[in-house]
């Protein structure tokens, strides 16, 4: 079972897929800027995964 189902109706709109991807990547930038590299890497990985699943593979 995948972590994120790109076929779910919630992700039907393009702006929703972009919003969640950019939100997690933006949170990674915030965490790195605040000096928390562990959380930054976690959000960077999550944003990369969302970008791959929701934007590239779909």
C-alpha atoms as a PDB file:
ATOM      1  CA  UNK A   1       0.000   0.000   0.000  1.00  0.00           C
ATOM      2  CA  UNK A   2       1.509   3.360  -1.006  1.00  0.00           C
ATOM      3  CA  UNK A   3       1.929   6.198   1.464  1.00  0.00           C
ATOM      4  CA  UNK A   4      -0.002   8.581  -0.800  1.00  0.00           C
ATOM      5  CA  UNK A   5      -2.679   7.468  -3.245  1.00  0.00           C
ATOM      6  CA  UNK A   6      -2.469   9.787  -6.265  1.00  0.00           C
ATOM      7  CA  UNK A   7      -5.793   8.417  -7.542  1.00  0.00           C
ATOM      8  CA  UNK A   8      -7.707   9.609  -4.461  1.00  0.00           C
ATOM      9  CA  UNK A   9     -10.321  12.273  -5.327  1.00  0.00           C
ATOM     10  CA  UNK A  10      -8.609  14.712  -2.952  1.00  0.00           C
ATOM     11  CA  UNK A  11      -5.648  14.929  -5.351  1.00  0.00           C
ATOM     12  CA  UNK A  12      -7.770  15.324  -8.498  1.00  0.00           C
ATOM     13  CA  UNK A  13      -7.003  19.045  -8.857  1.00  0.00           C
ATOM     14  CA  UNK A  14      -3.566  20.065 -10.041  1.00  0.00           C
ATOM     15  CA  UNK A  15      -3.271  22.968  -7.619  1.00  0.00           C
ATOM     16  CA  UNK A  16      -3.856  20.626  -4.640  1.00  0.00           C
ATOM     17  CA  UNK A  17      -0.995  18.355  -5.751  1.00  0.00           C
ATOM     18  CA  UNK A  18       1.329  21.349  -6.212  1.00  0.00           C
ATOM     19  CA  UNK A  19       0.216  22.926  -2.912  1.00  0.00           C
ATOM     20  CA  UNK A  20       1.075  19.909  -0.766  1.00  0.00           C
ATOM     21  CA  UNK A  21       4.358  19.315  -2.548  1.00  0.00           C
ATOM     22  CA  UNK A  22       5.484  22.942  -2.218  1.00  0.00           C
ATOM     23  CA  UNK A  23       4.221  23.178   1.368  1.00  0.00           C
ATOM     24  CA  UNK A  24       6.407  20.299   2.518  1.00  0.00           C
ATOM     25  CA  UNK A  25       9.420  21.586   0.573  1.00  0.00           C
ATOM     26  CA  UNK A  26       8.849  25.056   2.010  1.00  0.00           C
ATOM     27  CA  UNK A  27       8.693  23.592   5.497  1.00  0.00           C
ATOM     28  CA  UNK A  28      12.048  21.937   4.820  1.00  0.00           C
ATOM     29  CA  UNK A  29      13.526  25.349   4.005  1.00  0.00           C
ATOM     30  CA  UNK A  30      12.064  26.783   7.214  1.00  0.00           C
ATOM     31  CA  UNK A  31      13.467  23.956   9.309  1.00  0.00           C
ATOM     32  CA  UNK A  32      16.945  24.305   7.787  1.00  0.00           C
ATOM     33  CA  UNK A  33      16.806  28.077   8.371  1.00  0.00           C
ATOM     34  CA  UNK A  34      15.815  27.531  12.009  1.00  0.00           C
ATOM     35  CA  UNK A  35      18.778  25.222  12.549  1.00  0.00           C
ATOM     36  CA  UNK A  36      16.969  21.896  12.657  1.00  0.00           C
ATOM     37  CA  UNK A  37      18.623  19.796   9.948  1.00  0.00           C
ATOM     38  CA  UNK A  38      16.969  16.553  11.059  1.00  0.00           C
ATOM     39  CA  UNK A  39      13.467  17.931  10.556  1.00  0.00           C
ATOM     40  CA  UNK A  40      14.653  19.665   7.406  1.00  0.00           C
ATOM     41  CA  UNK A  41      15.787  16.367   5.918  1.00  0.00           C
ATOM     42  CA  UNK A  42      12.531  14.710   6.936  1.00  0.00           C
ATOM     43  CA  UNK A  43      10.422  17.380   5.214  1.00  0.00           C
ATOM     44  CA  UNK A  44      12.763  17.404   2.217  1.00  0.00           C
ATOM     45  CA  UNK A  45      12.306  13.655   1.819  1.00  0.00           C
ATOM     46  CA  UNK A  46       8.526  13.979   2.209  1.00  0.00           C
ATOM     47  CA  UNK A  47       8.385  16.793  -0.346  1.00  0.00           C
ATOM     48  CA  UNK A  48      10.526  14.831  -2.761  1.00  0.00           C
ATOM     49  CA  UNK A  49       8.294  11.805  -2.361  1.00  0.00           C
ATOM     50  CA  UNK A  50       5.142  13.868  -2.890  1.00  0.00           C
ATOM     51  CA  UNK A  51       6.675  15.518  -5.943  1.00  0.00           C
ATOM     52  CA  UNK A  52       7.574  12.137  -7.388  1.00  0.00           C
ATOM     53  CA  UNK A  53       4.211  10.496  -6.692  1.00  0.00           C
ATOM     54  CA  UNK A  54       1.848  13.407  -7.342  1.00  0.00           C
ATOM     55  CA  UNK A  55       3.602  15.386 -10.059  1.00  0.00           C
ATOM     56  CA  UNK A  56       6.031  13.199 -11.987  1.00  0.00           C
ATOM     57  CA  UNK A  57       4.556   9.694 -11.901  1.00  0.00           C
ATOM     58  CA  UNK A  58       0.985  10.871 -12.320  1.00  0.00           C
END
